[in-house]
Structures are given as structure tokens and as C-alpha cells.
Protein backbone atom coordinates (compact mmCIF):
# COMPACT_ATOMS: atom_id res chain seq x y z
CA MET A 1 33.78 21.47 61.55
CA GLY A 2 36.80 21.92 59.73
CA GLU A 3 40.53 22.21 60.81
CA LEU A 4 42.42 25.33 61.08
CA ASN A 5 45.45 26.13 59.11
CA THR A 6 46.79 28.69 61.61
CA PHE A 7 47.21 28.11 65.40
CA PRO A 8 45.36 30.81 67.35
CA VAL A 9 48.04 32.69 69.81
CA SER A 10 48.68 35.79 71.78
CA TYR A 11 52.53 36.72 70.50
CA LYS A 12 54.44 38.71 73.02
CA VAL A 13 56.04 41.90 71.76
CA GLU A 14 57.10 43.78 74.95
CA GLY A 15 60.20 45.35 75.13
CA ARG A 16 60.50 44.86 70.73
CA ARG A 17 60.07 46.35 67.88
CA ILE A 18 57.30 45.88 65.13
CA VAL A 19 58.66 47.34 62.22
CA ILE A 20 56.15 48.08 59.47
CA VAL A 21 58.04 48.51 55.76
CA GLY A 22 55.80 51.16 53.58
CA GLY A 23 54.54 54.63 53.70
CA GLY A 24 50.48 54.45 52.62
CA GLU A 25 47.08 53.44 53.62
CA GLU A 26 47.69 50.22 54.12
CA ALA A 27 50.92 50.78 56.10
CA LEU A 28 48.54 53.42 58.30
CA ASN A 29 46.17 50.72 58.84
CA LYS A 30 48.67 48.40 60.46
CA THR A 31 50.10 51.50 62.37
CA ARG A 32 46.81 52.07 64.23
CA LEU A 33 46.54 48.00 64.67
CA ALA A 34 50.47 47.96 65.96
CA ILE A 35 50.52 50.84 68.65
CA LYS A 36 47.80 49.05 70.61
CA THR A 37 50.71 47.00 71.94
CA THR A 38 53.67 48.17 73.95
CA ALA A 39 56.08 47.63 71.17
CA GLU A 40 57.97 50.00 69.51
CA VAL A 41 56.18 51.01 65.94
CA VAL A 42 58.79 51.21 63.48
CA ILE A 43 57.83 52.92 59.84
CA VAL A 44 59.97 52.47 57.30
CA SER A 45 59.67 53.62 53.36
CA ARG A 46 61.35 55.73 51.12
CA GLN A 47 58.05 57.37 50.03
CA ILE A 48 56.00 58.76 53.16
CA GLU A 49 52.58 59.55 51.76
CA ALA A 50 50.44 58.50 54.57
CA ASP A 51 49.79 61.06 57.60
CA PHE A 52 51.65 59.51 60.77
CA SER A 53 51.66 62.85 62.63
CA ASP A 54 49.25 62.04 65.48
CA GLN A 55 51.06 58.36 65.90
CA PRO A 56 53.15 57.46 68.47
CA VAL A 57 55.72 55.72 65.99
CA THR A 58 59.04 55.87 64.74
CA VAL A 59 59.12 57.26 60.95
CA VAL A 60 62.33 56.26 59.11
CA ALA A 61 62.01 58.30 55.65
CA ARG A 62 64.78 56.12 53.50
CA PRO A 63 64.86 52.75 51.51
CA PHE A 64 64.76 49.59 53.57
CA THR A 65 67.99 48.03 54.73
CA GLU A 66 68.59 44.65 56.74
CA SER A 67 69.58 46.62 60.05
CA ASP A 68 65.94 48.19 60.36
CA LEU A 69 64.99 44.08 61.32
CA GLU A 70 67.34 44.67 64.65
CA GLY A 71 65.20 43.27 67.44
CA ALA A 72 62.11 43.09 65.94
CA ALA A 73 59.22 40.75 66.75
CA LEU A 74 56.80 41.33 63.56
CA VAL A 75 57.24 43.09 60.63
CA PHE A 76 54.49 43.86 57.86
CA VAL A 77 55.08 44.50 54.47
CA ALA A 78 52.96 47.24 52.68
CA ASP A 79 55.50 47.66 49.86
CA HIS A 80 55.22 46.18 46.70
CA GLY A 81 58.36 47.48 45.53
CA PRO A 82 62.48 46.50 45.64
CA ASP A 83 62.05 47.55 49.43
CA GLY A 84 58.89 45.42 50.00
CA ASP A 85 61.27 42.48 48.27
CA ALA A 86 64.36 43.06 50.24
CA ALA A 87 62.07 43.29 53.88
CA LYS A 88 60.38 39.90 52.96
CA LEU A 89 64.21 38.21 52.49
CA ALA A 90 65.61 40.00 55.46
CA ALA A 91 62.70 38.38 57.36
CA ARG A 92 62.49 35.15 56.80
CA ALA A 93 66.21 34.94 56.44
CA ARG A 94 66.11 36.02 60.19
CA GLY A 95 63.30 34.18 61.16
CA ILE A 96 60.96 36.76 61.79
CA PRO A 97 57.19 36.19 61.78
CA LEU A 98 56.05 38.44 58.49
CA ASN A 99 52.68 39.21 57.08
CA VAL A 100 52.60 40.95 53.31
CA VAL A 101 49.49 43.12 53.69
CA ASP A 102 46.96 41.45 51.35
CA VAL A 103 48.82 38.73 49.83
CA PRO A 104 47.74 35.50 52.39
CA HIS A 105 49.91 32.83 50.44
CA GLU A 106 53.27 34.66 51.52
CA CYS A 107 52.17 35.43 55.05
CA ASP A 108 53.27 33.65 58.11
CA PHE A 109 50.65 35.29 60.11
CA TYR A 110 47.36 37.00 60.03
CA THR A 111 46.21 40.19 61.66
CA PRO A 112 42.46 39.45 63.39
CA ALA A 113 40.09 41.83 63.73
CA ILE A 114 40.52 42.68 67.81
CA ILE A 115 38.21 43.33 70.90
CA ASP A 116 40.86 45.52 72.87
CA ARG A 117 39.71 45.25 76.52
CA ALA A 118 43.62 45.27 77.43
CA PRO A 119 44.91 43.15 79.25
CA LEU A 120 42.01 40.95 77.91
CA SER A 121 41.84 40.60 74.02
CA ILE A 122 39.69 39.03 71.73
CA ALA A 123 40.45 38.14 67.86
CA ILE A 124 38.16 36.89 65.35
CA ALA A 125 40.40 35.52 62.38
CA SER A 126 39.64 34.27 58.75
CA GLU A 127 42.83 32.88 57.60
CA GLY A 128 42.62 35.75 55.04
CA ASP A 129 39.97 34.49 53.92
CA ALA A 130 36.74 36.66 54.83
CA PRO A 131 38.32 39.93 56.74
CA VAL A 132 35.14 41.61 56.44
CA LEU A 133 33.18 39.01 58.20
CA ALA A 134 35.75 39.06 60.80
CA ARG A 135 34.94 42.58 61.35
CA LEU A 136 31.56 42.16 61.60
CA ILE A 137 31.69 39.67 64.14
CA ARG A 138 33.86 41.82 66.09
CA ALA A 139 31.19 44.47 66.02
CA ARG A 140 28.56 42.28 67.26
CA ILE A 141 30.66 40.83 70.08
CA GLU A 142 31.68 44.44 70.84
CA ALA A 143 27.96 45.33 71.40
CA MET A 144 27.50 42.38 74.03
CA LEU A 145 30.87 42.89 76.15
CA SER A 146 31.27 45.47 79.19
CA PRO A 147 33.83 48.27 78.44
CA ASN A 148 35.31 47.42 82.27
CA LEU A 149 36.39 44.01 81.28
CA GLY A 150 39.56 44.87 81.31
CA ALA A 151 39.75 46.36 84.73
CA LEU A 152 38.02 43.18 85.64
CA ALA A 153 40.83 41.46 84.29
CA ARG A 154 43.39 43.38 86.09
CA LEU A 155 41.64 42.99 89.67
CA ALA A 156 41.60 39.41 89.30
CA GLY A 157 45.36 39.66 88.11
CA SER A 158 46.04 41.71 91.24
CA MET A 159 44.46 38.78 93.30
CA ARG A 160 46.59 36.07 92.21
CA HIS A 161 49.34 35.64 94.74
CA ARG A 162 46.68 35.98 97.55
CA VAL A 163 44.16 33.44 96.19
CA ALA A 164 47.50 31.31 95.60
CA GLU A 165 47.85 30.99 99.40
CA ARG A 166 44.24 30.45 100.43
CA LEU A 167 42.26 28.63 97.46
CA GLN A 168 43.65 25.85 95.59
CA GLY A 169 41.87 23.70 92.16
CA ALA A 170 37.77 24.09 91.72
CA ARG A 171 37.75 26.55 94.39
CA ALA A 172 40.21 29.06 92.81
CA ARG A 173 38.33 28.98 89.63
CA ARG A 174 35.12 29.51 90.83
CA TYR A 175 36.69 32.76 92.92
CA TYR A 176 37.97 33.96 89.90
CA GLU A 177 34.17 33.38 87.92
CA GLU A 178 32.62 35.02 90.40
CA ILE A 179 35.27 38.13 90.23
CA VAL A 180 34.40 38.57 86.65
CA THR A 181 30.87 38.04 86.62
CA SER A 182 29.59 39.46 89.74
CA PRO A 183 27.39 42.74 88.71
CA GLU A 184 28.28 43.62 92.47
CA ILE A 185 32.04 43.78 91.95
CA GLU A 186 31.83 45.54 88.77
CA VAL A 187 29.71 47.91 90.76
CA ALA A 188 32.56 48.15 93.31
CA LEU A 189 35.34 48.48 90.78
CA VAL A 190 33.67 51.59 88.87
CA ARG A 191 32.99 53.11 92.41
CA GLY A 192 37.09 52.54 93.25
CA GLN A 193 36.24 49.68 95.63
CA GLY A 194 37.59 47.08 93.62
CA THR A 195 40.20 45.69 95.92
CA ALA A 196 37.65 45.53 98.69
CA ALA A 197 35.19 44.02 97.18
CA ALA A 198 37.59 41.50 95.74
CA GLU A 199 39.20 40.56 99.38
CA ALA A 200 35.83 40.40 100.78
CA ALA A 201 34.88 37.52 98.05
CA LEU A 202 38.25 35.74 98.70
CA ASP A 203 37.44 35.70 102.67
CA ARG A 204 33.87 34.56 101.74
CA HIS A 205 35.34 31.38 99.51
CA ALA A 206 37.55 30.50 101.75
CA ASP A 207 35.37 30.63 104.83
CA ALA A 208 33.02 28.42 102.85
CA GLY A 209 35.45 25.58 102.78
CA GLU A 210 35.03 22.78 100.14
CA THR A 211 31.73 22.43 98.30
CA GLY A 212 30.00 19.63 97.59
CA GLY A 213 29.60 17.72 94.07
CA VAL A 214 26.65 18.33 91.46
CA VAL A 215 25.39 16.66 88.20
CA TRP A 216 23.98 18.64 85.77
CA LEU A 217 21.81 15.89 83.59
CA ILE A 218 22.14 17.84 80.12
CA GLY A 219 20.46 17.45 76.74
CA ALA A 220 22.81 18.00 73.65
CA GLY A 221 20.12 17.82 71.13
CA PRO A 222 19.80 15.94 68.50
CA GLY A 223 23.32 16.20 67.10
CA SER A 224 23.52 19.70 66.00
CA GLU A 225 25.51 22.09 68.22
CA ASP A 226 23.23 25.52 67.29
CA LEU A 227 20.03 23.57 68.93
CA LEU A 228 21.98 23.56 72.59
CA THR A 229 20.60 25.75 74.96
CA LEU A 230 21.98 28.85 76.43
CA ARG A 231 21.64 27.16 80.04
CA ALA A 232 23.85 23.52 78.63
CA GLN A 233 25.72 26.35 77.42
CA ARG A 234 26.62 27.85 80.31
CA LEU A 235 26.85 24.63 82.71
CA LEU A 236 29.62 23.32 80.32
CA GLN A 237 31.62 25.87 81.08
CA GLU A 238 31.57 25.83 84.59
CA ALA A 239 31.68 21.81 84.74
CA ASP A 240 34.67 20.17 86.09
CA VAL A 241 34.12 16.85 84.29
CA VAL A 242 31.97 15.91 81.02
CA VAL A 243 30.52 12.59 81.02
CA HIS A 244 29.11 12.39 77.42
CA ASP A 245 27.34 9.56 75.65
CA ALA A 246 28.75 8.65 71.87
CA LEU A 247 25.50 10.02 70.06
CA VAL A 248 26.56 13.80 71.74
CA PRO A 249 28.61 15.40 68.94
CA ALA A 250 32.12 16.26 69.38
CA ALA A 251 31.52 20.44 68.79
CA VAL A 252 29.02 20.22 71.52
CA VAL A 253 31.82 18.10 74.14
CA GLU A 254 34.07 21.00 73.06
CA MET A 255 32.19 23.64 74.38
CA GLY A 256 33.21 22.48 77.80
CA ARG A 257 36.29 24.12 79.79
CA ARG A 258 39.50 23.14 77.76
CA ASP A 259 40.67 21.87 81.04
CA ALA A 260 38.05 19.92 81.92
CA GLU A 261 37.79 16.18 81.93
CA ARG A 262 36.37 14.57 79.46
CA ILE A 263 34.82 10.97 79.78
CA SER A 264 33.37 9.08 76.93
CA VAL A 265 30.64 6.22 78.10
CA GLY A 266 29.41 5.89 74.75
CA LYS A 267 26.76 3.15 73.95
CA ARG A 268 25.61 2.38 70.53
CA LYS A 269 23.34 -0.29 69.74
CA GLY A 270 25.38 -3.68 69.95
CA HIS A 271 28.37 -1.89 71.44
CA HIS A 272 28.33 -1.11 75.13
CA SER A 273 31.83 0.98 76.48
CA PHE A 274 29.84 1.33 79.72
CA THR A 275 27.26 -0.39 81.39
CA GLN A 276 24.37 1.82 82.74
CA ALA A 277 25.12 0.64 86.42
CA GLU A 278 28.69 1.81 85.68
CA ILE A 279 27.69 5.25 84.50
CA ASN A 280 25.63 5.52 87.59
CA ALA A 281 28.73 4.78 90.00
CA LEU A 282 30.46 7.14 87.82
CA ILE A 283 28.97 9.69 88.33
CA VAL A 284 27.96 9.27 92.05
CA ARG A 285 31.68 8.80 92.52
CA LEU A 286 32.58 12.31 90.93
CA GLY A 287 29.67 13.94 92.69
CA LEU A 288 30.98 12.26 95.82
CA GLU A 289 34.94 14.05 95.07
CA GLY A 290 33.02 17.56 94.66
CA LYS A 291 32.95 17.50 91.21
CA ARG A 292 30.69 19.50 88.94
CA VAL A 293 29.57 17.00 86.55
CA ALA A 294 28.36 17.70 83.03
CA ARG A 295 26.08 14.28 82.18
CA LEU A 296 25.43 15.30 78.15
CA LYS A 297 23.09 12.85 77.00
CA GLY A 298 21.59 13.08 73.31
CA GLY A 299 18.09 15.07 73.06
CA ASP A 300 16.47 15.01 75.91
CA PRO A 301 17.84 13.53 79.06
CA MET A 302 14.12 12.52 79.92
CA VAL A 303 12.99 10.92 76.63
CA PHE A 304 14.48 7.56 76.12
CA GLY A 305 17.80 8.96 77.93
CA ARG A 306 18.05 6.39 80.95
CA ALA A 307 17.97 9.77 83.33
CA GLY A 308 15.60 8.12 85.99
CA GLU A 309 18.12 5.33 86.73
CA GLU A 310 20.95 7.94 87.27
CA ILE A 311 18.57 10.30 89.44
CA ASP A 312 17.83 7.19 91.30
CA ALA A 313 21.44 6.95 92.01
CA LEU A 314 22.41 10.40 93.02
CA ARG A 315 19.44 10.69 94.86
CA ARG A 316 20.59 7.46 96.77
CA ASN A 317 23.77 9.08 97.20
CA GLY A 318 22.76 12.32 98.62
CA ILE A 319 24.32 13.99 95.70
CA PRO A 320 22.26 17.44 94.26
CA PHE A 321 21.21 17.38 90.70
CA HIS A 322 19.44 19.63 88.39
CA ILE A 323 17.96 18.60 84.51
CA VAL A 324 18.58 20.85 81.81
CA PRO A 325 15.83 19.82 79.15
CA GLY A 326 17.14 19.39 75.29
CA VAL A 327 15.53 18.73 72.29
CA THR A 328 14.53 15.32 71.68
CA ALA A 329 15.02 13.91 68.60
CA ALA A 330 11.32 13.63 67.21
CA LEU A 331 10.71 17.35 67.56
CA ALA A 332 14.06 17.59 65.72
CA ALA A 333 12.94 15.49 62.86
CA ALA A 334 9.29 17.07 63.17
CA ALA A 335 11.07 20.64 62.51
CA ASP A 336 13.47 19.12 59.66
CA THR A 337 10.36 18.07 57.60
CA ALA A 338 7.80 20.74 58.60
CA THR A 339 5.43 18.25 59.67
CA PRO A 340 2.77 19.45 62.46
CA VAL A 341 2.75 16.51 64.70
CA THR A 342 -0.57 17.89 66.25
CA LEU A 343 -2.88 19.39 64.12
CA ARG A 344 -6.54 21.05 64.26
CA ASN A 345 -8.73 18.30 63.08
CA VAL A 346 -6.30 15.65 62.05
CA SER A 347 -4.30 14.92 65.07
CA THR A 348 -5.18 15.96 68.63
CA GLY A 349 -2.10 14.60 70.03
CA PHE A 350 1.45 12.93 69.84
CA VAL A 351 2.45 9.97 71.27
CA LEU A 352 6.72 9.18 72.23
CA ALA A 353 7.31 5.44 72.70
CA THR A 354 10.20 2.99 71.80
CA ALA A 355 9.65 0.09 69.02
CA HIS A 356 12.72 -1.78 70.25
CA GLY A 357 11.52 -4.72 72.33
CA ALA A 358 7.50 -3.79 71.99
CA ASN A 359 4.77 -6.15 73.23
CA SER A 360 1.24 -7.47 71.54
CA GLY A 361 -0.02 -5.07 74.19
CA GLU A 362 2.00 -2.06 73.40
CA LEU A 363 1.40 -2.78 69.21
CA ARG A 364 -2.28 -2.75 69.97
CA HIS A 365 -2.41 0.41 72.23
CA TRP A 366 -0.24 1.71 68.93
CA ALA A 367 -2.36 0.66 66.28
CA ALA A 368 -5.33 2.18 68.43
CA ILE A 369 -3.56 5.40 68.55
CA ALA A 370 -2.44 5.63 64.80
CA SER A 371 -6.31 4.55 63.74
CA ALA A 372 -7.65 7.41 65.95
CA GLY A 373 -5.65 10.05 64.38
CA LEU A 374 -2.88 10.80 66.83
CA THR A 375 0.60 10.95 65.93
CA LEU A 376 2.84 8.10 66.76
CA ALA A 377 7.12 8.94 66.99
CA LEU A 378 8.70 5.63 67.66
CA TYR A 379 12.37 5.82 68.60
CA MET A 380 15.16 2.72 68.20
CA GLY A 381 12.86 1.19 65.54
CA LYS A 382 14.97 1.33 62.34
CA SER A 383 16.49 -2.21 62.79
CA VAL A 384 12.54 -3.63 63.76
CA ALA A 385 10.94 -1.43 61.04
CA ALA A 386 9.66 -3.67 58.78
CA GLU A 387 8.51 -6.01 61.56
CA THR A 388 6.78 -3.34 63.53
CA ALA A 389 4.79 -2.19 60.62
CA SER A 390 3.69 -5.36 60.10
CA ARG A 391 2.69 -5.70 63.31
CA LEU A 392 0.70 -3.08 63.86
CA ILE A 393 -1.24 -3.60 60.68
CA GLY A 394 -1.75 -7.01 62.32
CA GLU A 395 -3.16 -5.13 65.24
CA GLY A 396 -5.65 -3.24 63.17
CA ALA A 397 -4.39 -0.39 61.97
CA SER A 398 -4.94 0.33 58.01
CA PRO A 399 -1.98 -0.16 55.71
CA ALA A 400 -2.82 3.17 54.15
CA ILE A 401 -1.87 5.25 57.17
CA PRO A 402 1.27 7.68 56.14
CA VAL A 403 4.86 7.09 57.57
CA GLY A 404 8.05 9.30 57.26
CA LEU A 405 11.24 8.49 58.73
CA VAL A 406 14.04 10.79 59.43
CA VAL A 407 17.85 9.58 59.81
CA GLN A 408 19.75 11.60 61.94
CA ALA A 409 17.41 13.86 62.72
CA GLY A 410 18.62 17.79 63.30
CA ARG A 411 21.86 17.02 61.45
CA LYS A 412 23.14 18.49 58.19
CA ASP A 413 23.25 14.82 57.15
CA ARG A 414 19.66 13.60 57.66
CA LEU A 415 18.01 11.64 55.70
CA LEU A 416 13.90 11.14 54.90
CA TYR A 417 12.07 8.37 53.75
CA ARG A 418 8.17 8.62 52.79
CA GLY A 419 5.58 5.72 52.05
CA THR A 420 2.64 4.13 54.05
CA LEU A 421 2.42 1.86 56.73
CA GLY A 422 2.24 -0.94 53.94
CA ASP A 423 4.93 0.30 52.31
CA LEU A 424 7.39 0.14 55.52
CA ALA A 425 6.09 -3.39 56.12
CA ALA A 426 6.81 -4.60 52.69
CA GLY A 427 10.78 -3.64 53.94
CA GLY A 428 11.78 -2.79 50.36
CA VAL A 429 14.16 0.01 51.38
CA ASP A 430 17.44 -0.39 52.96
CA LEU A 431 17.63 2.88 55.51
CA ALA A 432 20.82 4.47 55.77
CA ASP A 433 22.64 4.33 59.06
CA GLY A 434 22.03 6.35 61.84
CA PRO A 435 19.48 6.89 64.98
CA ALA A 436 15.87 7.43 63.21
CA ILE A 437 12.55 8.49 64.01
CA ILE A 438 9.47 6.74 62.64
CA PHE A 439 6.17 9.01 62.51
CA VAL A 440 3.00 6.75 61.38
CA GLY A 441 -0.33 9.53 61.37
CA GLU A 442 -2.20 11.08 59.38
CA SER A 443 -0.53 14.51 60.08
CA ILE A 444 2.65 13.56 58.09
CA ALA A 445 0.71 13.79 55.01
CA HIS A 446 0.81 18.02 55.87
CA GLY A 447 4.52 18.05 56.02
CA ASP A 448 7.22 19.14 53.74
CA TRP A 449 8.81 15.64 52.44
CA SER A 450 9.71 16.41 49.10
CA GLU A 451 13.35 15.39 49.64
CA ALA A 452 12.58 12.23 50.70
CA ILE A 453 13.20 8.74 49.52
CA ALA A 454 9.94 6.81 48.69
CA LEU A 455 9.48 3.61 50.60
CA ALA A 456 7.60 2.11 47.86
CA ARG A 457 5.98 3.61 44.43
CA SER A 458 2.90 4.12 46.42
CA GLU A 459 2.92 7.91 47.13
CA PHE A 460 0.85 9.12 50.13
CA ARG A 461 -1.05 12.70 49.82
CA VAL A 462 0.37 15.75 50.94
CA ALA A 463 -2.24 18.37 51.91
């Protein structure tokens, strides 16, 4: 995720002026934007070419003077002649934010594409690089939003003092969440009964008292934020605390509420900032405090995520919990390589296992699975990949069985490796850093591994 060169803000212009220097179509376009505010909009130009007659603005048909900027909050320059140059110098001398139309490098601020649901506004900006894209995104968002959002925002604002007297902290936030999302309250608002419905909801929240905590065990997927489920996104916005693992990307953590507490309990191989027992104790404590906790885990919480231990701790302490599935790394790796891990007449099953610490009995079982045609997906086995492959061969698996490895599955920087079980056992290739999935089975030859690095000179057949 890149860094912004601008800081998004809502700039207060109430009781002040917005001065637009220029009299052509560019000035008229900025005027249509400026009149959406309560500011006095003033057009200054020696040549008024566009039709401003239907706009609630003051038009001054003369050359620009510095006095035109008295009381100005913002200045737009849509004149590329001497008046525009004079306005730019005067605005900079007075420290007034300046926008020079279609000249991004001279702008102090950019005008975003705006969705107007006053007092609610949504701005989509591209720092002047792609205004057409910003407008297209605005159109898509507009189609999703109720026309009553502004009225709902005003209703919530009108309840502020009464809510402050009766609800605090998370309880107040939950009340406001109901006000702005409840279809029943929106219907009441349209019927002119919004205040009564909002007051009834306030009574209900106040009478309910403190609510207990809850923990959501959320799968964050393999590392690409757009693989997160819609349910996971929604719950992240509701959580008071986000407890996340090291493998959860920052972009996913950032999807939580800005004011939510964030606690990293990162565990990587050989580096444990929290033990599992400490994590269990942490989420139990937060739940007992009445917090709504998003416990973010890489992949799927129920697949090598140690969710079972956390569930046991929550159950013992009577804390409600819910599980939100995520895309596990093996499925992301299969998608990365178009590998059908189950395939008619080739692979009748798909087995997920962890190679780290596997004993002889498990290896014997895996060797039989791979030899029978099923697809094996090994997690946490990169550091012992060559050893595991050798032991599988020793337990009867054929060295010719196709093998594929995906490091950083589901991410843009993922890397692929291909070969046979014998190639992997030889250990001739240094694998890239990062979590890896090792596929073993005949179905691997039916995937797209054309971008993969060969584990050895030998090639496996691609169907």
C-alpha cells in the first residue's frame, strides 16, 4: 500500500468566502462545487464568458485585486493570464490554500469527487493524477448509498446531548450504529417519526445496561486484503479491540475502526512475542471487560490456527465467540497456480497437514496418500522440506511424484517452485523467505506452473 502525498481533511468554510478567479467554463465547474457549501462564492474576472446567472454567487467583472481575498477561506484560479498570476501571488502571500485548475504541481489542495449527503460528505481524491477514475468511483458509491443518509446523520447529531447523559463509550457507539443502520429507523424518519424512533432506541439501550463481551475468531486470509470476507470486514468495523497475528497484513488490520485498540501478538517461527497461553489469557480478559474483540488470524482460524485452544479458554470463562472463516493458504496456493487439487480420474481427495514435527507414522500415511493419487498440502514445512521429501520416499512414495511449492501464497510477491519429490529431497534450491505450501501429488502436473522456478533440471509433465 502506497503513501499519500496529501492529508484528507474537511476544511471549514462557514461564514467565509471562496474566491474563484476566472470567468470561463473552468471557473463555472468550480463554482458548481463551491456552492454546495455555506460559504459566499465570489467570481472575479475581467471577462465573464460562462453563464453564472443561475448560480447563487457574486460576480465581479473587473481585473483581480488583492482586496478580493479579504475573508477568503479558499482560492481557485481558473485564469491563466495576468489576473491568475496576481491571484496566485496574493493567495500565497496571505497563506490562503490555493487550487490552480489543471495545474496539479501549483496546487495546495485538490478538489475531490464528492458524494453529498449533507451533513455527511464522502470525497474521492487522486491527488490530481486520475480525476476521471475518482468520478467513476464516486458514481459506484452513489449507487450503493441511501438518499436518506444525510437525514440520518442529522438525526444522530440531534440526539448527541441526550445520548451523552445516558450512555458512554462503547454503549454510545453501539446506539449510534443502530441509528444509522437500522431500516426501521430509516422508515420512521421518512414518515416524519425519526425523533420518536431514535428516543425509543435510546431508552432501549439505556435499559439494557452493560452488555457482555464477545470474541470473533476471524480468518484474515493468506495476506491479500481483497480476499477478506464481507463478514470479516463488517466485524472489524464493530470491534473495540483488534488482536492480530504477525502474518496478518497491515492493510487488513487498518480495516478496523480508527479508534479501536490494536494489539499485536505476533508469532513467527523462532520469535514469539506472546505465548499461546498469554494470548488465551488476553482475549479472555478483554471479553470479561465487555469488549468486542476481533481475533485476527492468518488464513483460516480453524486450519493450523490454534483456534481450538482459544475456543476452550473462551468456553471455560463463559465468553461468547463466533468463527469467521478465511481463505486458507493451501487454497490460495491452488488458485495462484490454477491447480485442481481434486480432479476426476487423478485425485479423489485433498489432505492438509503440517510437516513440522511429523513422526514416522504420519509420514508413512502421507506416502500412502500421495501414492494413491490424493493431493497432499503440507504447511510449515519449508525448513524441513528436503528432509520430509526424503522420508516420504523412504516410506514408499515414488520420487517421480510431482511437487509444487508456493511461498507467500495469495500475495502479489508470491514465488513458485516446481519439480518432483526426488528433486525436493535433493535440496538443490534455496527457497525464498516467507510461509510456504508444499503440494505433493499427481494433480500438481495439471496446474499452471509456467512461472515456477525448477527445483532441478528434471521437468514434470504438464497436462
